[in-house]
C-alpha atoms as a PDB file:
ATOM      1  CA  MET A   1       0.082   0.105   0.070  1.00  0.00           C
ATOM      2  CA  SER A   2       1.505   3.505  -1.146  1.00  0.00           C
ATOM      3  CA  ALA A   3       0.469   6.609   0.249  1.00  0.00           C
ATOM      4  CA  GLU A   4      -0.852   7.831  -3.088  1.00  0.00           C
ATOM      5  CA  ASN A   5      -3.699   5.369  -2.872  1.00  0.00           C
ATOM      6  CA  ALA A   6      -4.237   5.566   1.093  1.00  0.00           C
ATOM      7  CA  GLN A   7      -6.531   7.971   3.131  1.00  0.00           C
ATOM      8  CA  SER A   8      -6.320   8.410   7.028  1.00  0.00           C
ATOM      9  CA  LEU A   9      -9.599   7.048   8.075  1.00  0.00           C
ATOM     10  CA  THR A  10     -11.362   6.265  11.547  1.00  0.00           C
ATOM     11  CA  LEU A  11     -13.242   2.924  11.847  1.00  0.00           C
ATOM     12  CA  VAL A  12     -16.512   4.660  11.440  1.00  0.00           C
ATOM     13  CA  GLN A  13     -15.247   6.484   8.327  1.00  0.00           C
ATOM     14  CA  ALA A  14     -13.592   2.995   7.087  1.00  0.00           C
ATOM     15  CA  VAL A  15     -17.282   1.337   7.365  1.00  0.00           C
ATOM     16  CA  ARG A  16     -18.543   4.261   5.227  1.00  0.00           C
ATOM     17  CA  ASP A  17     -16.115   3.781   2.545  1.00  0.00           C
ATOM     18  CA  GLY A  18     -16.684  -0.001   2.724  1.00  0.00           C
ATOM     19  CA  LEU A  19     -20.476   0.610   2.083  1.00  0.00           C
ATOM     20  CA  TYR A  20     -19.600   3.165  -0.582  1.00  0.00           C
ATOM     21  CA  GLY A  21     -17.069   0.798  -2.525  1.00  0.00           C
ATOM     22  CA  GLU A  22     -19.476  -2.265  -2.249  1.00  0.00           C
ATOM     23  CA  MET A  23     -22.994  -0.093  -3.545  1.00  0.00           C
ATOM     24  CA  GLU A  24     -20.612   1.179  -6.333  1.00  0.00           C
ATOM     25  CA  ARG A  25     -18.892  -2.225  -6.978  1.00  0.00           C
ATOM     26  CA  ASP A  26     -22.434  -4.013  -6.855  1.00  0.00           C
ATOM     27  CA  GLU A  27     -25.830  -2.247  -7.766  1.00  0.00           C
ATOM     28  CA  ASP A  28     -27.528  -5.274  -5.695  1.00  0.00           C
ATOM     29  CA  VAL A  29     -26.124  -3.932  -2.260  1.00  0.00           C
ATOM     30  CA  LEU A  30     -28.504  -1.791  -0.668  1.00  0.00           C
ATOM     31  CA  VAL A  31     -28.518  -0.231   2.908  1.00  0.00           C
ATOM     32  CA  MET A  32     -31.692   0.054   5.151  1.00  0.00           C
ATOM     33  CA  GLY A  33     -32.235   0.944   8.538  1.00  0.00           C
ATOM     34  CA  GLU A  34     -33.439   3.566  10.778  1.00  0.00           C
ATOM     35  CA  ASP A  35     -32.263   7.334   9.773  1.00  0.00           C
ATOM     36  CA  VAL A  36     -29.602   5.788   7.549  1.00  0.00           C
ATOM     37  CA  GLY A  37     -30.784   7.835   4.736  1.00  0.00           C
ATOM     38  CA  LYS A  38     -31.222  11.745   4.823  1.00  0.00           C
ATOM     39  CA  ASN A  39     -29.907  11.516   8.472  1.00  0.00           C
ATOM     40  CA  GLY A  40     -26.789   9.467   7.723  1.00  0.00           C
ATOM     41  CA  GLY A  41     -27.273   7.067  10.639  1.00  0.00           C
ATOM     42  CA  VAL A  42     -26.870   7.653  14.271  1.00  0.00           C
ATOM     43  CA  PHE A  43     -23.081   7.641  14.096  1.00  0.00           C
ATOM     44  CA  ARG A  44     -22.751   9.083  10.553  1.00  0.00           C
ATOM     45  CA  ALA A  45     -21.640   5.667   9.378  1.00  0.00           C
ATOM     46  CA  THR A  46     -24.080   6.164   6.073  1.00  0.00           C
ATOM     47  CA  GLN A  47     -23.308   9.894   5.755  1.00  0.00           C
ATOM     48  CA  GLY A  48     -23.759  10.969   2.194  1.00  0.00           C
ATOM     49  CA  LEU A  49     -24.838   7.191   0.755  1.00  0.00           C
ATOM     50  CA  HIS A  50     -28.587   8.460   0.303  1.00  0.00           C
ATOM     51  CA  GLU A  51     -27.533  11.578  -1.671  1.00  0.00           C
ATOM     52  CA  GLU A  52     -24.997   9.483  -4.063  1.00  0.00           C
ATOM     53  CA  PHE A  53     -27.208   6.192  -4.624  1.00  0.00           C
ATOM     54  CA  GLY A  54     -30.741   7.594  -3.875  1.00  0.00           C
ATOM     55  CA  GLU A  55     -33.920   6.451  -2.213  1.00  0.00           C
ATOM     56  CA  ASP A  56     -34.357   2.807  -3.622  1.00  0.00           C
ATOM     57  CA  ARG A  57     -30.740   1.759  -2.350  1.00  0.00           C
ATOM     58  CA  VAL A  58     -30.567   3.780   0.898  1.00  0.00           C
ATOM     59  CA  ILE A  59     -33.783   3.055   2.545  1.00  0.00           C
ATOM     60  CA  ASP A  60     -35.016   4.789   5.663  1.00  0.00           C
ATOM     61  CA  THR A  61     -37.237   2.424   7.593  1.00  0.00           C
ATOM     62  CA  PRO A  62     -39.812   2.484  10.546  1.00  0.00           C
ATOM     63  CA  LEU A  63     -38.266   1.738  13.877  1.00  0.00           C
ATOM     64  CA  ALA A  64     -38.999  -1.663  13.768  1.00  0.00           C
ATOM     65  CA  GLU A  65     -36.013  -4.220  14.088  1.00  0.00           C
ATOM     66  CA  SER A  66     -37.740  -7.192  13.548  1.00  0.00           C
ATOM     67  CA  GLY A  67     -39.575  -5.937  10.521  1.00  0.00           C
ATOM     68  CA  ILE A  68     -36.093  -4.470   8.973  1.00  0.00           C
ATOM     69  CA  ILE A  69     -34.425  -7.897   9.341  1.00  0.00           C
ATOM     70  CA  GLY A  70     -37.721  -9.696   8.071  1.00  0.00           C
ATOM     71  CA  THR A  71     -37.807  -7.537   4.901  1.00  0.00           C
ATOM     72  CA  ALA A  72     -33.918  -7.623   4.226  1.00  0.00           C
ATOM     73  CA  ILE A  73     -34.122 -11.593   4.614  1.00  0.00           C
ATOM     74  CA  GLY A  74     -36.698 -11.416   1.591  1.00  0.00           C
ATOM     75  CA  MET A  75     -34.452  -9.296  -0.184  1.00  0.00           C
ATOM     76  CA  ALA A  76     -31.607 -11.275   0.076  1.00  0.00           C
ATOM     77  CA  ALA A  77     -33.552 -14.905  -1.051  1.00  0.00           C
ATOM     78  CA  TYR A  78     -34.496 -13.015  -4.520  1.00  0.00           C
ATOM     79  CA  GLY A  79     -30.877 -11.942  -5.010  1.00  0.00           C
ATOM     80  CA  LEU A  80     -30.184  -8.576  -3.729  1.00  0.00           C
ATOM     81  CA  ARG A  81     -27.294  -8.085  -0.724  1.00  0.00           C
ATOM     82  CA  PRO A  82     -28.969  -5.696   1.738  1.00  0.00           C
ATOM     83  CA  VAL A  83     -27.224  -4.015   4.790  1.00  0.00           C
ATOM     84  CA  PRO A  84     -29.705  -3.384   7.505  1.00  0.00           C
ATOM     85  CA  GLU A  85     -28.533  -1.263  10.206  1.00  0.00           C
ATOM     86  CA  MET A  86     -29.109  -1.897  13.849  1.00  0.00           C
ATOM     87  CA  GLN A  87     -28.656   1.258  15.721  1.00  0.00           C
ATOM     88  CA  PHE A  88     -26.969  -0.378  18.730  1.00  0.00           C
ATOM     89  CA  SER A  89     -26.964  -3.943  19.034  1.00  0.00           C
ATOM     90  CA  GLY A  90     -28.839  -3.548  22.102  1.00  0.00           C
ATOM     91  CA  PHE A  91     -32.030  -2.847  20.042  1.00  0.00           C
ATOM     92  CA  MET A  92     -31.620  -6.573  18.099  1.00  0.00           C
ATOM     93  CA  TYR A  93     -33.210  -8.605  20.369  1.00  0.00           C
ATOM     94  CA  PRO A  94     -36.577  -7.877  18.481  1.00  0.00           C
ATOM     95  CA  ALA A  95     -35.004  -9.257  15.453  1.00  0.00           C
ATOM     96  CA  PHE A  96     -33.356 -12.215  16.815  1.00  0.00           C
ATOM     97  CA  ASP A  97     -36.262 -14.439  15.956  1.00  0.00           C
ATOM     98  CA  GLN A  98     -35.727 -13.521  12.230  1.00  0.00           C
ATOM     99  CA  LEU A  99     -32.229 -14.167  12.227  1.00  0.00           C
ATOM    100  CA  VAL A 100     -31.817 -17.442  14.162  1.00  0.00           C
ATOM    101  CA  SER A 101     -35.369 -18.916  13.044  1.00  0.00           C
ATOM    102  CA  HIS A 102     -35.088 -17.602   8.989  1.00  0.00           C
ATOM    103  CA  ALA A 103     -31.889 -15.740   8.329  1.00  0.00           C
ATOM    104  CA  ALA A 104     -29.400 -18.808   9.819  1.00  0.00           C
ATOM    105  CA  ARG A 105     -31.624 -21.316   8.354  1.00  0.00           C
ATOM    106  CA  LEU A 106     -32.462 -20.595   4.447  1.00  0.00           C
ATOM    107  CA  ARG A 107     -29.707 -22.478   3.265  1.00  0.00           C
ATOM    108  CA  THR A 108     -30.476 -25.996   4.997  1.00  0.00           C
ATOM    109  CA  ARG A 109     -34.569 -24.932   4.967  1.00  0.00           C
ATOM    110  CA  SER A 110     -34.326 -25.076   1.126  1.00  0.00           C
ATOM    111  CA  ARG A 111     -31.645 -27.858   0.623  1.00  0.00           C
ATOM    112  CA  GLY A 112     -29.568 -25.038  -1.137  1.00  0.00           C
ATOM    113  CA  ARG A 113     -32.061 -23.773  -3.590  1.00  0.00           C
ATOM    114  CA  TYR A 114     -31.780 -20.105  -1.551  1.00  0.00           C
ATOM    115  CA  THR A 115     -29.226 -18.491   0.425  1.00  0.00           C
ATOM    116  CA  CYS A 116     -29.055 -15.268   2.518  1.00  0.00           C
ATOM    117  CA  PRO A 117     -26.604 -12.710   1.405  1.00  0.00           C
ATOM    118  CA  MET A 118     -27.115 -10.425   3.945  1.00  0.00           C
ATOM    119  CA  THR A 119     -24.426  -8.427   6.502  1.00  0.00           C
ATOM    120  CA  VAL A 120     -26.170  -6.932   9.590  1.00  0.00           C
ATOM    121  CA  ARG A 121     -24.458  -4.031  10.849  1.00  0.00           C
ATOM    122  CA  ALA A 122     -24.615  -2.797  14.576  1.00  0.00           C
ATOM    123  CA  PRO A 123     -22.470  -0.548  16.820  1.00  0.00           C
ATOM    124  CA  TYR A 124     -21.743  -2.811  20.076  1.00  0.00           C
ATOM    125  CA  GLY A 125     -20.189  -2.797  23.313  1.00  0.00           C
ATOM    126  CA  GLY A 126     -19.381  -0.377  25.829  1.00  0.00           C
ATOM    127  CA  GLY A 127     -17.227   2.724  27.098  1.00  0.00           C
ATOM    128  CA  ILE A 128     -19.279   5.834  25.428  1.00  0.00           C
ATOM    129  CA  ARG A 129     -21.439   6.583  28.390  1.00  0.00           C
ATOM    130  CA  ALA A 130     -24.522   5.403  26.716  1.00  0.00           C
ATOM    131  CA  PRO A 131     -27.922   4.519  28.504  1.00  0.00           C
ATOM    132  CA  GLU A 132     -28.942   1.111  29.073  1.00  0.00           C
ATOM    133  CA  HIS A 133     -29.389  -1.585  26.253  1.00  0.00           C
ATOM    134  CA  HIS A 134     -26.693   0.662  24.484  1.00  0.00           C
ATOM    135  CA  SER A 135     -23.522  -0.865  25.834  1.00  0.00           C
ATOM    136  CA  GLU A 136     -23.692  -5.117  25.786  1.00  0.00           C
ATOM    137  CA  SER A 137     -21.816  -7.379  24.074  1.00  0.00           C
ATOM    138  CA  LYS A 138     -23.749 -10.463  22.841  1.00  0.00           C
ATOM    139  CA  GLU A 139     -21.215 -11.620  20.364  1.00  0.00           C
ATOM    140  CA  ALA A 140     -21.657 -15.421  21.956  1.00  0.00           C
ATOM    141  CA  PHE A 141     -25.817 -15.157  20.986  1.00  0.00           C
ATOM    142  CA  TYR A 142     -25.011 -15.107  17.395  1.00  0.00           C
ATOM    143  CA  VAL A 143     -21.816 -17.380  17.475  1.00  0.00           C
ATOM    144  CA  HIS A 144     -23.774 -20.206  19.133  1.00  0.00           C
ATOM    145  CA  GLU A 145     -26.421 -20.118  16.080  1.00  0.00           C
ATOM    146  CA  PRO A 146     -25.297 -22.461  13.114  1.00  0.00           C
ATOM    147  CA  GLY A 147     -25.799 -20.698   9.785  1.00  0.00           C
ATOM    148  CA  LEU A 148     -24.603 -17.150  11.234  1.00  0.00           C
ATOM    149  CA  LYS A 149     -21.008 -15.813  10.801  1.00  0.00           C
ATOM    150  CA  VAL A 150     -19.821 -13.019  13.344  1.00  0.00           C
ATOM    151  CA  VAL A 151     -17.391 -10.399  12.382  1.00  0.00           C
ATOM    152  CA  VAL A 152     -15.439  -8.019  15.044  1.00  0.00           C
ATOM    153  CA  PRO A 153     -12.920  -5.708  13.388  1.00  0.00           C
ATOM    154  CA  SER A 154     -10.566  -3.750  15.538  1.00  0.00           C
ATOM    155  CA  THR A 155      -9.018  -1.398  13.111  1.00  0.00           C
ATOM    156  CA  PRO A 156     -10.208   1.017  10.092  1.00  0.00           C
ATOM    157  CA  GLY A 157      -8.422  -1.113   7.364  1.00  0.00           C
ATOM    158  CA  ASP A 158      -9.912  -4.625   8.683  1.00  0.00           C
ATOM    159  CA  ALA A 159     -13.185  -2.579   9.258  1.00  0.00           C
ATOM    160  CA  LYS A 160     -13.356  -1.712   5.286  1.00  0.00           C
ATOM    161  CA  GLY A 161     -12.212  -5.176   4.328  1.00  0.00           C
ATOM    162  CA  LEU A 162     -13.945  -7.446   6.257  1.00  0.00           C
ATOM    163  CA  LEU A 163     -17.109  -5.557   5.794  1.00  0.00           C
ATOM    164  CA  ALA A 164     -16.663  -5.992   2.013  1.00  0.00           C
ATOM    165  CA  ALA A 165     -15.833  -9.677   2.564  1.00  0.00           C
ATOM    166  CA  SER A 166     -19.157  -9.882   4.689  1.00  0.00           C
ATOM    167  CA  ILE A 167     -21.051  -8.166   2.051  1.00  0.00           C
ATOM    168  CA  ARG A 168     -20.065 -10.605  -0.873  1.00  0.00           C
ATOM    169  CA  ASP A 169     -20.749 -13.453   1.356  1.00  0.00           C
ATOM    170  CA  PRO A 170     -23.610 -16.225   0.213  1.00  0.00           C
ATOM    171  CA  ASP A 171     -24.646 -16.262   3.805  1.00  0.00           C
ATOM    172  CA  PRO A 172     -25.709 -14.040   6.691  1.00  0.00           C
ATOM    173  CA  VAL A 173     -22.960 -12.234   8.890  1.00  0.00           C
ATOM    174  CA  VAL A 174     -23.640 -10.058  11.837  1.00  0.00           C
ATOM    175  CA  PHE A 175     -21.157  -7.389  11.607  1.00  0.00           C
ATOM    176  CA  LEU A 176     -20.743  -6.293  14.997  1.00  0.00           C
ATOM    177  CA  GLU A 177     -18.597  -2.663  15.059  1.00  0.00           C
ATOM    178  CA  PRO A 178     -17.009  -1.422  18.330  1.00  0.00           C
ATOM    179  CA  LYS A 179     -18.075   1.851  18.721  1.00  0.00           C
ATOM    180  CA  LEU A 180     -15.806   2.841  21.688  1.00  0.00           C
ATOM    181  CA  ILE A 181     -13.357   2.807  18.912  1.00  0.00           C
ATOM    182  CA  TYR A 182     -15.186   4.442  16.044  1.00  0.00           C
ATOM    183  CA  ARG A 183     -13.399   7.635  16.346  1.00  0.00           C
ATOM    184  CA  ALA A 184     -10.459   6.981  18.748  1.00  0.00           C
ATOM    185  CA  PHE A 185      -7.767   6.644  16.122  1.00  0.00           C
ATOM    186  CA  ARG A 186      -7.068   6.949  12.389  1.00  0.00           C
ATOM    187  CA  GLU A 187      -5.089   4.779   9.950  1.00  0.00           C
ATOM    188  CA  ASP A 188      -3.884   4.686   6.605  1.00  0.00           C
ATOM    189  CA  VAL A 189      -6.758   2.623   4.396  1.00  0.00           C
ATOM    190  CA  PRO A 190      -6.344   1.834   0.900  1.00  0.00           C
ATOM    191  CA  GLU A 191      -8.660   3.856  -1.523  1.00  0.00           C
ATOM    192  CA  GLU A 192      -9.570   1.179  -3.595  1.00  0.00           C
ATOM    193  CA  THR A 193     -12.225  -1.919  -2.220  1.00  0.00           C
ATOM    194  CA  TYR A 194     -10.764  -4.977  -1.091  1.00  0.00           C
ATOM    195  CA  ALA A 195     -12.058  -7.924   1.065  1.00  0.00           C
ATOM    196  CA  THR A 196      -9.880  -9.357   4.032  1.00  0.00           C
ATOM    197  CA  GLU A 197     -10.723 -13.047   4.617  1.00  0.00           C
ATOM    198  CA  LEU A 198     -13.228 -13.756   7.260  1.00  0.00           C
ATOM    199  CA  GLY A 199     -12.044 -16.421   9.606  1.00  0.00           C
ATOM    200  CA  ALA A 200      -8.500 -15.328   9.882  1.00  0.00           C
ATOM    201  CA  ALA A 201      -6.491 -14.011  12.963  1.00  0.00           C
ATOM    202  CA  LYS A 202      -3.962 -11.712  13.040  1.00  0.00           C
ATOM    203  CA  VAL A 203      -0.934 -11.260  15.360  1.00  0.00           C
ATOM    204  CA  ARG A 204      -0.702  -8.071  16.474  1.00  0.00           C
ATOM    205  CA  ARG A 205       2.379  -8.541  18.777  1.00  0.00           C
ATOM    206  CA  GLU A 206       4.716 -11.248  18.566  1.00  0.00           C
ATOM    207  CA  GLY A 207       5.599 -12.838  21.718  1.00  0.00           C
ATOM    208  CA  GLU A 208       7.163 -15.719  23.305  1.00  0.00           C
ATOM    209  CA  ASP A 209       5.741 -16.375  26.554  1.00  0.00           C
ATOM    210  CA  ILE A 210       1.947 -16.301  26.701  1.00  0.00           C
ATOM    211  CA  SER A 211      -0.476 -15.972  24.257  1.00  0.00           C
ATOM    212  CA  VAL A 212      -3.319 -13.437  24.639  1.00  0.00           C
ATOM    213  CA  PHE A 213      -6.690 -13.624  22.327  1.00  0.00           C
ATOM    214  CA  THR A 214      -8.875 -10.888  22.110  1.00  0.00           C
ATOM    215  CA  TRP A 215     -11.132  -8.948  19.264  1.00  0.00           C
ATOM    216  CA  GLY A 216     -12.645  -5.496  18.857  1.00  0.00           C
ATOM    217  CA  ALA A 217     -12.331  -2.558  20.969  1.00  0.00           C
ATOM    218  CA  MET A 218     -10.349  -4.653  23.849  1.00  0.00           C
ATOM    219  CA  THR A 219      -7.169  -5.434  21.207  1.00  0.00           C
ATOM    220  CA  ARG A 220      -5.794  -1.977  21.781  1.00  0.00           C
ATOM    221  CA  PRO A 221      -5.647  -1.990  25.802  1.00  0.00           C
ATOM    222  CA  THR A 222      -4.535  -5.753  25.300  1.00  0.00           C
ATOM    223  CA  VAL A 223      -1.527  -4.305  22.831  1.00  0.00           C
ATOM    224  CA  GLU A 224      -0.780  -1.376  25.488  1.00  0.00           C
ATOM    225  CA  ALA A 225      -0.582  -3.976  28.394  1.00  0.00           C
ATOM    226  CA  ALA A 226       1.576  -6.364  26.622  1.00  0.00           C
ATOM    227  CA  GLU A 227       3.627  -3.761  25.714  1.00  0.00           C
ATOM    228  CA  ASP A 228       3.846  -2.395  29.305  1.00  0.00           C
ATOM    229  CA  LEU A 229       4.587  -6.050  30.231  1.00  0.00           C
ATOM    230  CA  ALA A 230       7.717  -6.488  27.628  1.00  0.00           C
ATOM    231  CA  GLY A 231       9.567  -3.690  29.871  1.00  0.00           C
ATOM    232  CA  GLU A 232       8.884  -5.883  32.812  1.00  0.00           C
ATOM    233  CA  GLY A 233      10.142  -8.974  31.246  1.00  0.00           C
ATOM    234  CA  ILE A 234       7.127 -10.470  30.125  1.00  0.00           C
ATOM    235  CA  ASP A 235       6.768 -11.265  26.243  1.00  0.00           C
ATOM    236  CA  ALA A 236       3.138 -11.611  25.510  1.00  0.00           C
ATOM    237  CA  GLU A 237       1.745 -12.192  22.028  1.00  0.00           C
ATOM    238  CA  VAL A 238      -1.682 -10.583  21.145  1.00  0.00           C
ATOM    239  CA  VAL A 239      -3.671 -12.463  18.617  1.00  0.00           C
ATOM    240  CA  ASP A 240      -6.683 -10.388  17.315  1.00  0.00           C
ATOM    241  CA  LEU A 241      -9.359 -13.026  16.020  1.00  0.00           C
ATOM    242  CA  ARG A 242     -11.173 -10.605  14.027  1.00  0.00           C
ATOM    243  CA  THR A 243     -13.663 -13.410  13.197  1.00  0.00           C
ATOM    244  CA  LEU A 244     -15.495 -14.848  15.843  1.00  0.00           C
ATOM    245  CA  LYS A 245     -17.466 -17.612  13.739  1.00  0.00           C
ATOM    246  CA  PRO A 246     -15.725 -18.983  11.887  1.00  0.00           C
ATOM    247  CA  MET A 247     -12.975 -18.884  14.586  1.00  0.00           C
ATOM    248  CA  ASP A 248      -9.403 -19.159  13.106  1.00  0.00           C
ATOM    249  CA  THR A 249      -8.805 -22.528  15.739  1.00  0.00           C
ATOM    250  CA  ASP A 250      -5.354 -22.628  13.614  1.00  0.00           C
ATOM    251  CA  ALA A 251      -4.188 -19.702  14.623  1.00  0.00           C
ATOM    252  CA  ILE A 252      -5.162 -20.034  18.491  1.00  0.00           C
ATOM    253  CA  LEU A 253      -3.567 -23.531  18.690  1.00  0.00           C
ATOM    254  CA  ASP A 254      -0.499 -22.297  16.960  1.00  0.00           C
ATOM    255  CA  SER A 255       0.133 -19.559  19.059  1.00  0.00           C
ATOM    256  CA  PHE A 256      -0.712 -21.709  22.277  1.00  0.00           C
ATOM    257  CA  ARG A 257       2.094 -24.437  21.454  1.00  0.00           C
ATOM    258  CA  LYS A 258       4.833 -21.870  20.929  1.00  0.00           C
ATOM    259  CA  THR A 259       3.826 -20.320  24.446  1.00  0.00           C
ATOM    260  CA  GLY A 260       2.178 -22.814  26.424  1.00  0.00           C
ATOM    261  CA  ARG A 261      -0.103 -20.195  28.443  1.00  0.00           C
ATOM    262  CA  ALA A 262      -2.994 -18.107  27.387  1.00  0.00           C
ATOM    263  CA  ALA A 263      -5.206 -15.736  28.890  1.00  0.00           C
ATOM    264  CA  VAL A 264      -8.421 -14.311  26.916  1.00  0.00           C
ATOM    265  CA  VAL A 265      -9.627 -10.842  26.782  1.00  0.00           C
ATOM    266  CA  HIS A 266     -13.430  -9.945  26.472  1.00  0.00           C
ATOM    267  CA  GLU A 267     -15.788  -6.990  27.507  1.00  0.00           C
ATOM    268  CA  ALA A 268     -18.999  -9.582  27.725  1.00  0.00           C
ATOM    269  CA  PRO A 269     -19.805 -11.166  31.036  1.00  0.00           C
ATOM    270  CA  LYS A 270     -17.261 -14.088  32.105  1.00  0.00           C
ATOM    271  CA  THR A 271     -20.160 -16.913  32.226  1.00  0.00           C
ATOM    272  CA  GLY A 272     -20.921 -17.984  29.078  1.00  0.00           C
ATOM    273  CA  GLY A 273     -18.556 -15.731  27.287  1.00  0.00           C
ATOM    274  CA  LEU A 274     -16.334 -17.010  24.358  1.00  0.00           C
ATOM    275  CA  ALA A 275     -13.127 -17.093  26.381  1.00  0.00           C
ATOM    276  CA  GLY A 276     -14.534 -20.518  27.783  1.00  0.00           C
ATOM    277  CA  GLU A 277     -14.942 -21.873  23.894  1.00  0.00           C
ATOM    278  CA  ILE A 278     -11.591 -20.903  23.425  1.00  0.00           C
ATOM    279  CA  ILE A 279     -10.156 -22.241  26.539  1.00  0.00           C
ATOM    280  CA  ALA A 280     -12.005 -25.516  25.560  1.00  0.00           C
ATOM    281  CA  THR A 281     -10.699 -25.636  22.328  1.00  0.00           C
ATOM    282  CA  ILE A 282      -7.408 -25.654  23.765  1.00  0.00           C
ATOM    283  CA  GLN A 283      -7.847 -28.225  26.095  1.00  0.00           C
ATOM    284  CA  GLU A 284      -9.113 -30.545  23.513  1.00  0.00           C
ATOM    285  CA  GLU A 285      -6.284 -29.707  20.934  1.00  0.00           C
ATOM    286  CA  ALA A 286      -3.436 -28.671  22.699  1.00  0.00           C
ATOM    287  CA  LEU A 287      -3.626 -29.864  26.317  1.00  0.00           C
ATOM    288  CA  LEU A 288      -0.056 -31.476  26.489  1.00  0.00           C
ATOM    289  CA  TYR A 289       1.441 -28.310  25.543  1.00  0.00           C
ATOM    290  CA  GLN A 290      -0.346 -26.356  28.580  1.00  0.00           C
ATOM    291  CA  GLU A 291       1.825 -25.172  31.315  1.00  0.00           C
ATOM    292  CA  ALA A 292      -0.467 -23.188  33.578  1.00  0.00           C
ATOM    293  CA  PRO A 293      -4.312 -22.567  33.731  1.00  0.00           C
ATOM    294  CA  ILE A 294      -5.725 -20.165  31.241  1.00  0.00           C
ATOM    295  CA  THR A 295      -6.516 -16.767  32.479  1.00  0.00           C
ATOM    296  CA  ARG A 296     -10.161 -15.041  31.485  1.00  0.00           C
ATOM    297  CA  ILE A 297      -9.965 -10.979  31.758  1.00  0.00           C
ATOM    298  CA  THR A 298     -13.856  -9.855  31.155  1.00  0.00           C
ATOM    299  CA  GLY A 299     -16.430  -8.055  32.110  1.00  0.00           C
ATOM    300  CA  PHE A 300     -18.718  -9.111  34.994  1.00  0.00           C
ATOM    301  CA  ASP A 301     -21.801 -11.346  35.263  1.00  0.00           C
ATOM    302  CA  VAL A 302     -23.881  -8.037  35.739  1.00  0.00           C
ATOM    303  CA  PRO A 303     -25.917  -6.016  33.259  1.00  0.00           C
ATOM    304  CA  PHE A 304     -23.628  -3.332  31.839  1.00  0.00           C
ATOM    305  CA  PRO A 305     -23.490  -0.848  34.432  1.00  0.00           C
ATOM    306  CA  LEU A 306     -24.450   3.001  33.838  1.00  0.00           C
ATOM    307  CA  TYR A 307     -21.377   6.029  33.850  1.00  0.00           C
ATOM    308  CA  ALA A 308     -20.103   5.742  37.190  1.00  0.00           C
ATOM    309  CA  LEU A 309     -18.661   2.214  37.082  1.00  0.00           C
ATOM    310  CA  GLU A 310     -18.153   1.649  33.197  1.00  0.00           C
ATOM    311  CA  ASP A 311     -14.493   2.174  33.340  1.00  0.00           C
ATOM    312  CA  TYR A 312     -14.437  -0.513  36.112  1.00  0.00           C
ATOM    313  CA  TYR A 313     -16.480  -2.829  34.097  1.00  0.00           C
ATOM    314  CA  LEU A 314     -14.396  -2.785  30.946  1.00  0.00           C
ATOM    315  CA  PRO A 315     -10.746  -4.840  30.933  1.00  0.00           C
ATOM    316  CA  GLU A 316      -8.657  -2.013  30.702  1.00  0.00           C
ATOM    317  CA  PRO A 317      -4.551  -2.249  30.414  1.00  0.00           C
ATOM    318  CA  ALA A 318      -4.029  -2.320  34.292  1.00  0.00           C
ATOM    319  CA  ARG A 319      -6.649  -5.399  34.947  1.00  0.00           C
ATOM    320  CA  ILE A 320      -5.290  -7.225  31.684  1.00  0.00           C
ATOM    321  CA  LYS A 321      -1.514  -6.712  32.854  1.00  0.00           C
ATOM    322  CA  ASP A 322      -2.415  -8.450  36.227  1.00  0.00           C
ATOM    323  CA  GLY A 323      -4.402 -11.378  34.745  1.00  0.00           C
ATOM    324  CA  ILE A 324      -1.596 -12.237  32.244  1.00  0.00           C
ATOM    325  CA  THR A 325       1.162 -11.650  35.168  1.00  0.00           C
ATOM    326  CA  GLU A 326      -0.859 -14.289  37.262  1.00  0.00           C
ATOM    327  CA  ALA A 327      -0.910 -16.588  34.457  1.00  0.00           C
ATOM    328  CA  VAL A 328       2.740 -16.354  33.485  1.00  0.00           C
ATOM    329  CA  GLU A 329       3.943 -16.688  37.313  1.00  0.00           C
ATOM    330  CA  PHE A 330       1.558 -19.620  37.962  1.00  0.00           C
END
């Protein structure tokens, strides 16, 4: 990538750039949701698309999440590639039945006659001082459902590439955008369209002493913690999973076999969170490499708190450092 064909974008700008590129590339791609048209979306992820592509491809909908997803499923079944937006992932519960009972099952129910090329975008996670129902991390809900893919980017470049790959995918994808880092930093992103492979993790920091698996908004504080620990003699490897389903188990196991120790960092509650699934996979496939109990550094088993306790709830570098150190010193 050269400077001539790159632009410095935030994550939410990269999402908008990815949508623009896919809509320009494929006239079957359309955007729909509450206020995504003339208003440009609650976070401005669709700003300007209505003016560029018109009301037939950028559709303002009623405030009715089940109706949005149900309509998008019908569009997808008949050959379009809808990208419905949920204003916040905490509003997806009314649409959950449409996702698991219809979108996820369309391929198997029709014996392959129909697929559902639909990408559901949703800002998710905490950290922006939002009210109730705006900050949950329910990725485990969707990972558990056969037929759905689940993607969580952690950088602007990945947001654009993974979104393009999701839109081009023949099956339904839940694309969870960590709104905490929507505008937290910038990165050079190629101007041209490109797709980043789904199901491929990325090593954000090489290390030899312990493997730390994470994704989304937790990637940056995890890398920060790893860099701090390097000065204290602990060399942590940080693996950003990027796609939670399909999950890159080869990358997880390769890293673990190298270090023999692991920690998992996510902001969802500990019980039933994906850390348990990752640890079980390691136990099944690489038990004889294990040198210490695997640490979970997560949110707590409580409803996501309001403002005063939000920073305490989310794993931050100091808590991540403590968890990693505990696993290394076992």
